[in-house]
C-alpha atoms as a PDB file:
ATOM      1  CA  UNK A   1     106.377  15.074 123.451  1.00  0.00           C
ATOM      2  CA  UNK A   2     103.323  17.292 123.901  1.00  0.00           C
ATOM      3  CA  UNK A   3     104.714  19.796 121.482  1.00  0.00           C
ATOM      4  CA  UNK A   4     105.431  17.126 118.840  1.00  0.00           C
ATOM      5  CA  UNK A   5     101.895  15.753 119.170  1.00  0.00           C
ATOM      6  CA  UNK A   6     100.374  19.180 118.734  1.00  0.00           C
ATOM      7  CA  UNK A   7     102.511  19.748 115.664  1.00  0.00           C
ATOM      8  CA  UNK A   8     101.333  16.479 114.161  1.00  0.00           C
ATOM      9  CA  UNK A   9      97.692  17.379 114.890  1.00  0.00           C
ATOM     10  CA  UNK A  10      98.242  20.778 113.366  1.00  0.00           C
ATOM     11  CA  UNK A  11      99.815  19.189 110.294  1.00  0.00           C
ATOM     12  CA  UNK A  12      96.922  16.721 109.990  1.00  0.00           C
ATOM     13  CA  UNK A  13      94.352  19.531 110.218  1.00  0.00           C
ATOM     14  CA  UNK A  14      96.221  21.472 107.587  1.00  0.00           C
ATOM     15  CA  UNK A  15      96.283  18.417 105.334  1.00  0.00           C
ATOM     16  CA  UNK A  16      92.539  17.922 105.780  1.00  0.00           C
ATOM     17  CA  UNK A  17      91.858  21.568 105.024  1.00  0.00           C
ATOM     18  CA  UNK A  18      93.931  21.349 101.875  1.00  0.00           C
ATOM     19  CA  UNK A  19      92.094  18.180 100.828  1.00  0.00           C
ATOM     20  CA  UNK A  20      88.706  19.839 101.410  1.00  0.00           C
ATOM     21  CA  UNK A  21      89.828  22.872  99.417  1.00  0.00           C
ATOM     22  CA  UNK A  22      90.983  20.602  96.617  1.00  0.00           C
ATOM     23  CA  UNK A  23      87.610  18.817  96.570  1.00  0.00           C
ATOM     24  CA  UNK A  24      85.824  22.161  96.599  1.00  0.00           C
ATOM     25  CA  UNK A  25      87.816  23.317  93.585  1.00  0.00           C
ATOM     26  CA  UNK A  26      86.979  20.094  91.738  1.00  0.00           C
ATOM     27  CA  UNK A  27      83.288  20.506  92.521  1.00  0.00           C
ATOM     28  CA  UNK A  28      83.335  24.110  91.359  1.00  0.00           C
ATOM     29  CA  UNK A  29      85.060  23.108  88.132  1.00  0.00           C
ATOM     30  CA  UNK A  30      82.487  20.345  87.600  1.00  0.00           C
ATOM     31  CA  UNK A  31      79.575  22.750  88.132  1.00  0.00           C
ATOM     32  CA  UNK A  32      81.137  25.269  85.756  1.00  0.00           C
ATOM     33  CA  UNK A  33      81.424  22.560  83.096  1.00  0.00           C
ATOM     34  CA  UNK A  34      77.790  21.557  83.570  1.00  0.00           C
ATOM     35  CA  UNK A  35      76.684  25.186  83.302  1.00  0.00           C
ATOM     36  CA  UNK A  36      78.663  25.678  80.104  1.00  0.00           C
ATOM     37  CA  UNK A  37      77.170  22.478  78.698  1.00  0.00           C
ATOM     38  CA  UNK A  38      73.617  23.619  79.465  1.00  0.00           C
ATOM     39  CA  UNK A  39      74.283  27.009  77.856  1.00  0.00           C
ATOM     40  CA  UNK A  40      75.728  25.394  74.721  1.00  0.00           C
ATOM     41  CA  UNK A  41      72.828  22.935  74.375  1.00  0.00           C
ATOM     42  CA  UNK A  42      70.324  25.739  74.975  1.00  0.00           C
ATOM     43  CA  UNK A  43      72.005  27.875  72.333  1.00  0.00           C
ATOM     44  CA  UNK A  44      71.911  25.075  69.769  1.00  0.00           C
ATOM     45  CA  UNK A  45      68.227  24.427  70.534  1.00  0.00           C
ATOM     46  CA  UNK A  46      67.418  28.124  70.205  1.00  0.00           C
ATOM     47  CA  UNK A  47      69.179  28.316  66.845  1.00  0.00           C
ATOM     48  CA  UNK A  48      67.241  25.255  65.695  1.00  0.00           C
ATOM     49  CA  UNK A  49      63.890  26.781  66.691  1.00  0.00           C
ATOM     50  CA  UNK A  50      64.753  30.070  64.997  1.00  0.00           C
ATOM     51  CA  UNK A  51      65.711  28.178  61.871  1.00  0.00           C
ATOM     52  CA  UNK A  52      62.313  26.434  61.929  1.00  0.00           C
ATOM     53  CA  UNK A  53      60.471  29.726  62.269  1.00  0.00           C
ATOM     54  CA  UNK A  54      62.192  31.279  59.284  1.00  0.00           C
ATOM     55  CA  UNK A  55      62.516  28.115  57.237  1.00  0.00           C
ATOM     56  CA  UNK A  56      62.316  28.548  53.479  1.00  0.00           C
ATOM     57  CA  UNK A  57      60.512  26.773  50.708  1.00  0.00           C
ATOM     58  CA  UNK A  58      62.425  23.579  51.274  1.00  0.00           C
ATOM     59  CA  UNK A  59      60.235  22.968  54.332  1.00  0.00           C
ATOM     60  CA  UNK A  60      56.984  23.529  52.488  1.00  0.00           C
ATOM     61  CA  UNK A  61      56.265  19.855  51.905  1.00  0.00           C
ATOM     62  CA  UNK A  62      56.985  18.617  55.435  1.00  0.00           C
ATOM     63  CA  UNK A  63      54.146  17.798  57.819  1.00  0.00           C
ATOM     64  CA  UNK A  64      54.492  19.561  61.186  1.00  0.00           C
ATOM     65  CA  UNK A  65      54.260  17.477  64.385  1.00  0.00           C
ATOM     66  CA  UNK A  66      50.741  17.093  65.722  1.00  0.00           C
ATOM     67  CA  UNK A  67      51.779  18.774  68.974  1.00  0.00           C
ATOM     68  CA  UNK A  68      52.856  21.939  67.180  1.00  0.00           C
ATOM     69  CA  UNK A  69      50.471  22.199  64.277  1.00  0.00           C
ATOM     70  CA  UNK A  70      49.455  25.562  62.814  1.00  0.00           C
ATOM     71  CA  UNK A  71      46.549  27.046  60.747  1.00  0.00           C
ATOM     72  CA  UNK A  72      46.707  27.168  56.946  1.00  0.00           C
ATOM     73  CA  UNK A  73      43.791  26.880  54.612  1.00  0.00           C
ATOM     74  CA  UNK A  74      42.349  24.955  51.735  1.00  0.00           C
ATOM     75  CA  UNK A  75      43.746  25.740  48.330  1.00  0.00           C
ATOM     76  CA  UNK A  76      41.161  28.472  47.947  1.00  0.00           C
ATOM     77  CA  UNK A  77      39.774  28.756  51.443  1.00  0.00           C
ATOM     78  CA  UNK A  78      41.838  28.479  54.639  1.00  0.00           C
ATOM     79  CA  UNK A  79      43.524  26.423  57.358  1.00  0.00           C
ATOM     80  CA  UNK A  80      45.720  26.621  60.567  1.00  0.00           C
ATOM     81  CA  UNK A  81      48.354  24.703  62.629  1.00  0.00           C
ATOM     82  CA  UNK A  82      51.987  24.448  63.847  1.00  0.00           C
ATOM     83  CA  UNK A  83      54.009  27.031  65.650  1.00  0.00           C
ATOM     84  CA  UNK A  84      56.557  26.866  62.857  1.00  0.00           C
ATOM     85  CA  UNK A  85      54.769  25.766  59.652  1.00  0.00           C
ATOM     86  CA  UNK A  86      51.145  26.291  58.664  1.00  0.00           C
ATOM     87  CA  UNK A  87      49.529  23.153  57.282  1.00  0.00           C
ATOM     88  CA  UNK A  88      47.279  23.800  54.349  1.00  0.00           C
ATOM     89  CA  UNK A  89      44.261  21.654  53.536  1.00  0.00           C
ATOM     90  CA  UNK A  90      44.654  20.720  49.901  1.00  0.00           C
ATOM     91  CA  UNK A  91      41.851  18.238  49.308  1.00  0.00           C
ATOM     92  CA  UNK A  92      38.231  17.791  50.286  1.00  0.00           C
ATOM     93  CA  UNK A  93      39.321  14.758  52.310  1.00  0.00           C
ATOM     94  CA  UNK A  94      41.185  17.021  54.731  1.00  0.00           C
ATOM     95  CA  UNK A  95      44.774  16.005  54.029  1.00  0.00           C
ATOM     96  CA  UNK A  96      47.295  18.713  54.816  1.00  0.00           C
ATOM     97  CA  UNK A  97      50.712  19.968  53.905  1.00  0.00           C
ATOM     98  CA  UNK A  98      52.871  22.560  55.609  1.00  0.00           C
ATOM     99  CA  UNK A  99      52.567  26.112  54.415  1.00  0.00           C
ATOM    100  CA  UNK A 100      55.323  27.466  52.258  1.00  0.00           C
ATOM    101  CA  UNK A 101      55.870  30.593  54.296  1.00  0.00           C
ATOM    102  CA  UNK A 102      56.107  31.678  57.901  1.00  0.00           C
ATOM    103  CA  UNK A 103      56.993  35.286  57.188  1.00  0.00           C
ATOM    104  CA  UNK A 104      56.209  37.736  59.981  1.00  0.00           C
ATOM    105  CA  UNK A 105      53.422  40.268  59.575  1.00  0.00           C
ATOM    106  CA  UNK A 106      54.374  43.264  57.424  1.00  0.00           C
ATOM    107  CA  UNK A 107      55.189  46.475  59.212  1.00  0.00           C
ATOM    108  CA  UNK A 108      53.254  48.664  56.758  1.00  0.00           C
ATOM    109  CA  UNK A 109      49.467  48.939  56.553  1.00  0.00           C
ATOM    110  CA  UNK A 110      47.727  48.882  53.172  1.00  0.00           C
ATOM    111  CA  UNK A 111      44.129  50.046  52.811  1.00  0.00           C
ATOM    112  CA  UNK A 112      41.799  47.061  52.397  1.00  0.00           C
ATOM    113  CA  UNK A 113      40.301  46.814  48.922  1.00  0.00           C
ATOM    114  CA  UNK A 114      36.727  45.543  48.858  1.00  0.00           C
ATOM    115  CA  UNK A 115      35.326  43.554  45.989  1.00  0.00           C
ATOM    116  CA  UNK A 116      32.210  44.153  43.909  1.00  0.00           C
ATOM    117  CA  UNK A 117      30.137  41.192  45.011  1.00  0.00           C
ATOM    118  CA  UNK A 118      26.502  41.660  46.036  1.00  0.00           C
ATOM    119  CA  UNK A 119      25.488  42.230  49.653  1.00  0.00           C
ATOM    120  CA  UNK A 120      22.894  39.932  51.260  1.00  0.00           C
ATOM    121  CA  UNK A 121      19.893  41.106  53.264  1.00  0.00           C
ATOM    122  CA  UNK A 122      20.827  41.906  56.864  1.00  0.00           C
ATOM    123  CA  UNK A 123      18.063  39.651  58.186  1.00  0.00           C
ATOM    124  CA  UNK A 124      19.601  36.590  56.564  1.00  0.00           C
ATOM    125  CA  UNK A 125      16.746  36.092  54.100  1.00  0.00           C
ATOM    126  CA  UNK A 126      18.940  36.096  50.974  1.00  0.00           C
ATOM    127  CA  UNK A 127      19.468  32.756  49.247  1.00  0.00           C
ATOM    128  CA  UNK A 128      22.994  31.394  49.090  1.00  0.00           C
ATOM    129  CA  UNK A 129      24.171  31.748  45.474  1.00  0.00           C
ATOM    130  CA  UNK A 130      25.507  28.737  43.611  1.00  0.00           C
ATOM    131  CA  UNK A 131      28.785  30.620  43.236  1.00  0.00           C
ATOM    132  CA  UNK A 132      30.224  34.023  44.049  1.00  0.00           C
ATOM    133  CA  UNK A 133      31.380  36.464  41.389  1.00  0.00           C
ATOM    134  CA  UNK A 134      34.143  37.641  43.693  1.00  0.00           C
ATOM    135  CA  UNK A 135      34.829  39.153  47.087  1.00  0.00           C
ATOM    136  CA  UNK A 136      31.954  41.201  48.505  1.00  0.00           C
ATOM    137  CA  UNK A 137      31.603  44.955  48.363  1.00  0.00           C
ATOM    138  CA  UNK A 138      31.456  46.825  51.670  1.00  0.00           C
ATOM    139  CA  UNK A 139      28.267  45.418  53.190  1.00  0.00           C
ATOM    140  CA  UNK A 140      28.687  46.299  56.880  1.00  0.00           C
ATOM    141  CA  UNK A 141      28.756  49.571  58.765  1.00  0.00           C
ATOM    142  CA  UNK A 142      32.394  49.905  59.923  1.00  0.00           C
ATOM    143  CA  UNK A 143      31.197  52.052  62.838  1.00  0.00           C
ATOM    144  CA  UNK A 144      28.766  49.425  64.127  1.00  0.00           C
ATOM    145  CA  UNK A 145      29.367  46.483  66.473  1.00  0.00           C
ATOM    146  CA  UNK A 146      28.822  42.944  65.196  1.00  0.00           C
ATOM    147  CA  UNK A 147      28.536  39.625  66.972  1.00  0.00           C
ATOM    148  CA  UNK A 148      28.117  36.133  65.560  1.00  0.00           C
ATOM    149  CA  UNK A 149      26.301  33.364  67.405  1.00  0.00           C
ATOM    150  CA  UNK A 150      27.579  30.015  66.142  1.00  0.00           C
ATOM    151  CA  UNK A 151      25.207  27.129  66.859  1.00  0.00           C
ATOM    152  CA  UNK A 152      26.609  23.592  66.611  1.00  0.00           C
ATOM    153  CA  UNK A 153      25.502  20.086  67.504  1.00  0.00           C
ATOM    154  CA  UNK A 154      27.642  20.484  70.650  1.00  0.00           C
ATOM    155  CA  UNK A 155      26.194  23.806  71.794  1.00  0.00           C
ATOM    156  CA  UNK A 156      26.604  27.453  70.822  1.00  0.00           C
ATOM    157  CA  UNK A 157      29.194  30.185  71.327  1.00  0.00           C
ATOM    158  CA  UNK A 158      29.318  33.907  70.581  1.00  0.00           C
ATOM    159  CA  UNK A 159      32.069  35.812  68.753  1.00  0.00           C
ATOM    160  CA  UNK A 160      32.499  39.563  69.126  1.00  0.00           C
ATOM    161  CA  UNK A 161      33.792  40.516  65.684  1.00  0.00           C
ATOM    162  CA  UNK A 162      36.879  42.682  65.220  1.00  0.00           C
ATOM    163  CA  UNK A 163      35.320  45.435  63.089  1.00  0.00           C
ATOM    164  CA  UNK A 164      37.900  48.002  64.142  1.00  0.00           C
ATOM    165  CA  UNK A 165      41.014  45.904  63.512  1.00  0.00           C
ATOM    166  CA  UNK A 166      39.906  43.902  60.460  1.00  0.00           C
ATOM    167  CA  UNK A 167      36.859  45.518  58.824  1.00  0.00           C
ATOM    168  CA  UNK A 168      37.485  43.873  55.454  1.00  0.00           C
ATOM    169  CA  UNK A 169      37.676  40.332  56.800  1.00  0.00           C
ATOM    170  CA  UNK A 170      34.755  40.918  59.171  1.00  0.00           C
ATOM    171  CA  UNK A 171      32.777  42.224  56.195  1.00  0.00           C
ATOM    172  CA  UNK A 172      33.564  39.018  54.326  1.00  0.00           C
ATOM    173  CA  UNK A 173      32.612  36.805  57.293  1.00  0.00           C
ATOM    174  CA  UNK A 174      29.368  38.692  57.956  1.00  0.00           C
ATOM    175  CA  UNK A 175      28.438  38.572  54.265  1.00  0.00           C
ATOM    176  CA  UNK A 176      28.990  34.821  54.071  1.00  0.00           C
ATOM    177  CA  UNK A 177      27.124  34.216  57.336  1.00  0.00           C
ATOM    178  CA  UNK A 178      24.120  36.289  56.202  1.00  0.00           C
ATOM    179  CA  UNK A 179      23.960  34.209  53.041  1.00  0.00           C
ATOM    180  CA  UNK A 180      23.815  31.056  55.197  1.00  0.00           C
ATOM    181  CA  UNK A 181      27.190  30.000  53.833  1.00  0.00           C
ATOM    182  CA  UNK A 182      28.201  28.266  57.080  1.00  0.00           C
ATOM    183  CA  UNK A 183      24.825  26.630  57.786  1.00  0.00           C
ATOM    184  CA  UNK A 184      25.090  22.873  57.524  1.00  0.00           C
ATOM    185  CA  UNK A 185      28.895  22.857  57.439  1.00  0.00           C
ATOM    186  CA  UNK A 186      31.168  21.957  60.343  1.00  0.00           C
ATOM    187  CA  UNK A 187      34.490  22.079  62.161  1.00  0.00           C
ATOM    188  CA  UNK A 188      36.746  19.675  60.329  1.00  0.00           C
ATOM    189  CA  UNK A 189      40.069  20.057  62.187  1.00  0.00           C
ATOM    190  CA  UNK A 190      40.638  19.974  65.949  1.00  0.00           C
ATOM    191  CA  UNK A 191      43.949  19.815  67.806  1.00  0.00           C
ATOM    192  CA  UNK A 192      43.997  19.949  71.600  1.00  0.00           C
ATOM    193  CA  UNK A 193      45.670  23.014  73.136  1.00  0.00           C
ATOM    194  CA  UNK A 194      45.901  24.469  69.657  1.00  0.00           C
ATOM    195  CA  UNK A 195      42.875  25.230  67.466  1.00  0.00           C
ATOM    196  CA  UNK A 196      39.377  24.263  66.420  1.00  0.00           C
ATOM    197  CA  UNK A 197      39.084  25.003  62.693  1.00  0.00           C
ATOM    198  CA  UNK A 198      35.718  25.496  61.014  1.00  0.00           C
ATOM    199  CA  UNK A 199      34.105  26.848  57.875  1.00  0.00           C
ATOM    200  CA  UNK A 200      34.737  24.158  55.296  1.00  0.00           C
ATOM    201  CA  UNK A 201      31.710  24.379  53.009  1.00  0.00           C
ATOM    202  CA  UNK A 202      30.743  20.782  52.373  1.00  0.00           C
ATOM    203  CA  UNK A 203      32.913  18.989  49.833  1.00  0.00           C
ATOM    204  CA  UNK A 204      33.756  22.073  47.780  1.00  0.00           C
ATOM    205  CA  UNK A 205      37.493  22.471  48.321  1.00  0.00           C
ATOM    206  CA  UNK A 206      37.686  25.774  46.465  1.00  0.00           C
ATOM    207  CA  UNK A 207      34.752  27.585  48.123  1.00  0.00           C
ATOM    208  CA  UNK A 208      33.983  30.428  48.343  1.00  0.00           C
ATOM    209  CA  UNK A 209      35.991  30.747  45.115  1.00  0.00           C
ATOM    210  CA  UNK A 210      37.780  33.999  45.946  1.00  0.00           C
ATOM    211  CA  UNK A 211      40.292  35.295  48.492  1.00  0.00           C
ATOM    212  CA  UNK A 212      40.477  38.359  50.708  1.00  0.00           C
ATOM    213  CA  UNK A 213      43.485  40.422  51.733  1.00  0.00           C
ATOM    214  CA  UNK A 214      45.150  40.097  55.123  1.00  0.00           C
ATOM    215  CA  UNK A 215      44.640  42.605  57.939  1.00  0.00           C
ATOM    216  CA  UNK A 216      47.318  41.204  60.195  1.00  0.00           C
ATOM    217  CA  UNK A 217      47.710  41.873  63.908  1.00  0.00           C
ATOM    218  CA  UNK A 218      50.893  42.767  65.734  1.00  0.00           C
ATOM    219  CA  UNK A 219      52.899  39.948  67.298  1.00  0.00           C
ATOM    220  CA  UNK A 220      51.596  38.809  70.670  1.00  0.00           C
ATOM    221  CA  UNK A 221      47.899  39.504  70.047  1.00  0.00           C
ATOM    222  CA  UNK A 222      46.831  35.858  69.799  1.00  0.00           C
ATOM    223  CA  UNK A 223      45.330  34.308  72.924  1.00  0.00           C
ATOM    224  CA  UNK A 224      42.925  31.567  73.916  1.00  0.00           C
ATOM    225  CA  UNK A 225      39.487  32.413  72.542  1.00  0.00           C
ATOM    226  CA  UNK A 226      40.763  34.523  69.644  1.00  0.00           C
ATOM    227  CA  UNK A 227      39.113  33.672  66.301  1.00  0.00           C
ATOM    228  CA  UNK A 228      41.269  34.135  63.197  1.00  0.00           C
ATOM    229  CA  UNK A 229      41.040  33.592  59.458  1.00  0.00           C
ATOM    230  CA  UNK A 230      42.806  30.519  58.138  1.00  0.00           C
ATOM    231  CA  UNK A 231      44.766  30.672  54.883  1.00  0.00           C
ATOM    232  CA  UNK A 232      46.907  28.613  52.534  1.00  0.00           C
ATOM    233  CA  UNK A 233      50.113  29.723  54.204  1.00  0.00           C
ATOM    234  CA  UNK A 234      50.717  32.412  51.601  1.00  0.00           C
ATOM    235  CA  UNK A 235      49.792  36.076  52.122  1.00  0.00           C
ATOM    236  CA  UNK A 236      46.278  37.295  51.254  1.00  0.00           C
ATOM    237  CA  UNK A 237      44.711  33.856  50.784  1.00  0.00           C
ATOM    238  CA  UNK A 238      41.907  33.931  53.343  1.00  0.00           C
ATOM    239  CA  UNK A 239      38.442  32.958  52.196  1.00  0.00           C
ATOM    240  CA  UNK A 240      35.830  31.100  54.195  1.00  0.00           C
ATOM    241  CA  UNK A 241      37.620  29.073  56.874  1.00  0.00           C
ATOM    242  CA  UNK A 242      38.439  30.321  60.363  1.00  0.00           C
ATOM    243  CA  UNK A 243      39.755  28.862  63.592  1.00  0.00           C
ATOM    244  CA  UNK A 244      39.466  29.346  67.339  1.00  0.00           C
ATOM    245  CA  UNK A 245      42.664  29.349  69.391  1.00  0.00           C
ATOM    246  CA  UNK A 246      42.177  26.928  72.279  1.00  0.00           C
ATOM    247  CA  UNK A 247      45.530  26.880  74.047  1.00  0.00           C
ATOM    248  CA  UNK A 248      49.106  28.034  74.415  1.00  0.00           C
ATOM    249  CA  UNK A 249      50.303  26.374  71.208  1.00  0.00           C
ATOM    250  CA  UNK A 250      47.753  28.309  69.182  1.00  0.00           C
ATOM    251  CA  UNK A 251      48.547  31.548  71.000  1.00  0.00           C
ATOM    252  CA  UNK A 252      52.203  31.204  69.972  1.00  0.00           C
ATOM    253  CA  UNK A 253      51.424  31.181  66.235  1.00  0.00           C
ATOM    254  CA  UNK A 254      53.254  33.747  64.091  1.00  0.00           C
ATOM    255  CA  UNK A 255      51.211  36.847  63.261  1.00  0.00           C
ATOM    256  CA  UNK A 256      50.077  35.555  59.863  1.00  0.00           C
ATOM    257  CA  UNK A 257      46.352  35.235  60.515  1.00  0.00           C
ATOM    258  CA  UNK A 258      43.834  38.056  60.531  1.00  0.00           C
ATOM    259  CA  UNK A 259      41.922  38.276  63.830  1.00  0.00           C
ATOM    260  CA  UNK A 260      38.181  38.049  63.151  1.00  0.00           C
ATOM    261  CA  UNK A 261      37.163  38.457  66.766  1.00  0.00           C
ATOM    262  CA  UNK A 262      37.072  36.869  70.212  1.00  0.00           C
ATOM    263  CA  UNK A 263      34.772  34.282  71.778  1.00  0.00           C
ATOM    264  CA  UNK A 264      32.905  36.111  74.540  1.00  0.00           C
ATOM    265  CA  UNK A 265      30.406  33.406  75.466  1.00  0.00           C
ATOM    266  CA  UNK A 266      30.689  29.616  75.391  1.00  0.00           C
ATOM    267  CA  UNK A 267      34.491  29.352  75.489  1.00  0.00           C
ATOM    268  CA  UNK A 268      34.599  27.179  78.618  1.00  0.00           C
ATOM    269  CA  UNK A 269      31.578  25.159  77.604  1.00  0.00           C
ATOM    270  CA  UNK A 270      30.905  24.686  73.896  1.00  0.00           C
ATOM    271  CA  UNK A 271      34.397  25.446  72.591  1.00  0.00           C
ATOM    272  CA  UNK A 272      35.888  23.232  75.299  1.00  0.00           C
ATOM    273  CA  UNK A 273      33.499  20.452  74.287  1.00  0.00           C
ATOM    274  CA  UNK A 274      34.670  20.837  70.681  1.00  0.00           C
ATOM    275  CA  UNK A 275      38.335  20.750  71.707  1.00  0.00           C
ATOM    276  CA  UNK A 276      37.661  17.542  73.647  1.00  0.00           C
ATOM    277  CA  UNK A 277      36.814  15.900  70.308  1.00  0.00           C
ATOM    278  CA  UNK A 278      40.430  16.126  69.132  1.00  0.00           C
ATOM    279  CA  UNK A 279      41.687  12.741  67.944  1.00  0.00           C
ATOM    280  CA  UNK A 280      45.368  12.396  68.971  1.00  0.00           C
ATOM    281  CA  UNK A 281      45.857   9.763  66.262  1.00  0.00           C
ATOM    282  CA  UNK A 282      44.381  11.870  63.448  1.00  0.00           C
ATOM    283  CA  UNK A 283      46.601  13.334  60.745  1.00  0.00           C
ATOM    284  CA  UNK A 284      47.051  16.988  61.682  1.00  0.00           C
ATOM    285  CA  UNK A 285      43.766  16.986  63.569  1.00  0.00           C
ATOM    286  CA  UNK A 286      41.614  15.808  60.645  1.00  0.00           C
ATOM    287  CA  UNK A 287      39.023  14.493  61.297  1.00  0.00           C
ATOM    288  CA  UNK A 288      37.840  14.936  64.910  1.00  0.00           C
ATOM    289  CA  UNK A 289      36.602  11.968  66.932  1.00  0.00           C
ATOM    290  CA  UNK A 290      32.990  12.665  65.895  1.00  0.00           C
ATOM    291  CA  UNK A 291      31.577  15.046  63.270  1.00  0.00           C
ATOM    292  CA  UNK A 292      30.998  18.628  64.394  1.00  0.00           C
ATOM    293  CA  UNK A 293      28.066  20.259  62.619  1.00  0.00           C
ATOM    294  CA  UNK A 294      27.358  23.991  62.403  1.00  0.00           C
ATOM    295  CA  UNK A 295      23.611  24.547  62.334  1.00  0.00           C
ATOM    296  CA  UNK A 296      23.755  28.297  61.847  1.00  0.00           C
ATOM    297  CA  UNK A 297      25.830  31.483  62.238  1.00  0.00           C
ATOM    298  CA  UNK A 298      23.567  34.371  63.229  1.00  0.00           C
ATOM    299  CA  UNK A 299      24.861  37.943  62.897  1.00  0.00           C
ATOM    300  CA  UNK A 300      23.677  40.707  65.244  1.00  0.00           C
ATOM    301  CA  UNK A 301      24.424  44.371  64.508  1.00  0.00           C
ATOM    302  CA  UNK A 302      24.268  47.071  67.144  1.00  0.00           C
END
């Protein structure tokens, strides 16, 4: 009898072991299926994002989501927003449309061609002309260091200008600032964790009336505090507008915007105060909750 009982116990243990093994195999199969599902969904999502980044002209009229807006400019000035499409300001009212191109920065470097426009006095005493004849001639010393102190109704911040990496665009910015071009204008587009865009000269949607060539950075050079030229979404269409990257979404923009410089003072105070004026209900960040006024942009050369 004892032997028969032990055999039954042994058989029962074996049955339980087999049942546990069977359950383990089922669980393993289930986990494998879940893993495969996650991989497939991730792959589809990745393909979708890649398609957005390289989307063609058929996406040019879509408006990017507010959470992923990108910098493009006015028809003759500039603008930014959207990690996939750059919205371009097309009217003085601030309405936007996605840029027609998100092409990566070119791999070849072309020498910047300066214009023939007059140079203002370095002390800022020159009167702002009613219109510009074209892009400025070389007005700065490419070997010198330039900073710009931007004073607004919300405080001031300082930009160390990127003379080495983008001398042509810095020359344009310094020239405009010395003419007082930005005095009395403002920051018309603000999107939290993305950009604060400034430089729209009053109601003149085509100012300054000319464009400057790109001097594009390598991929990965954008970061919080970087100041870049806005554009229409097409190559070589910068003019007067510029934007400050204020968060991760802005830092992930494609390398289509010339870096003017970096905010070295006032990023956590004034620029943060400006970013806090973003209206989450506004169309593509236009307008902010309250008007942002630029009193002056003062250039210092050293």
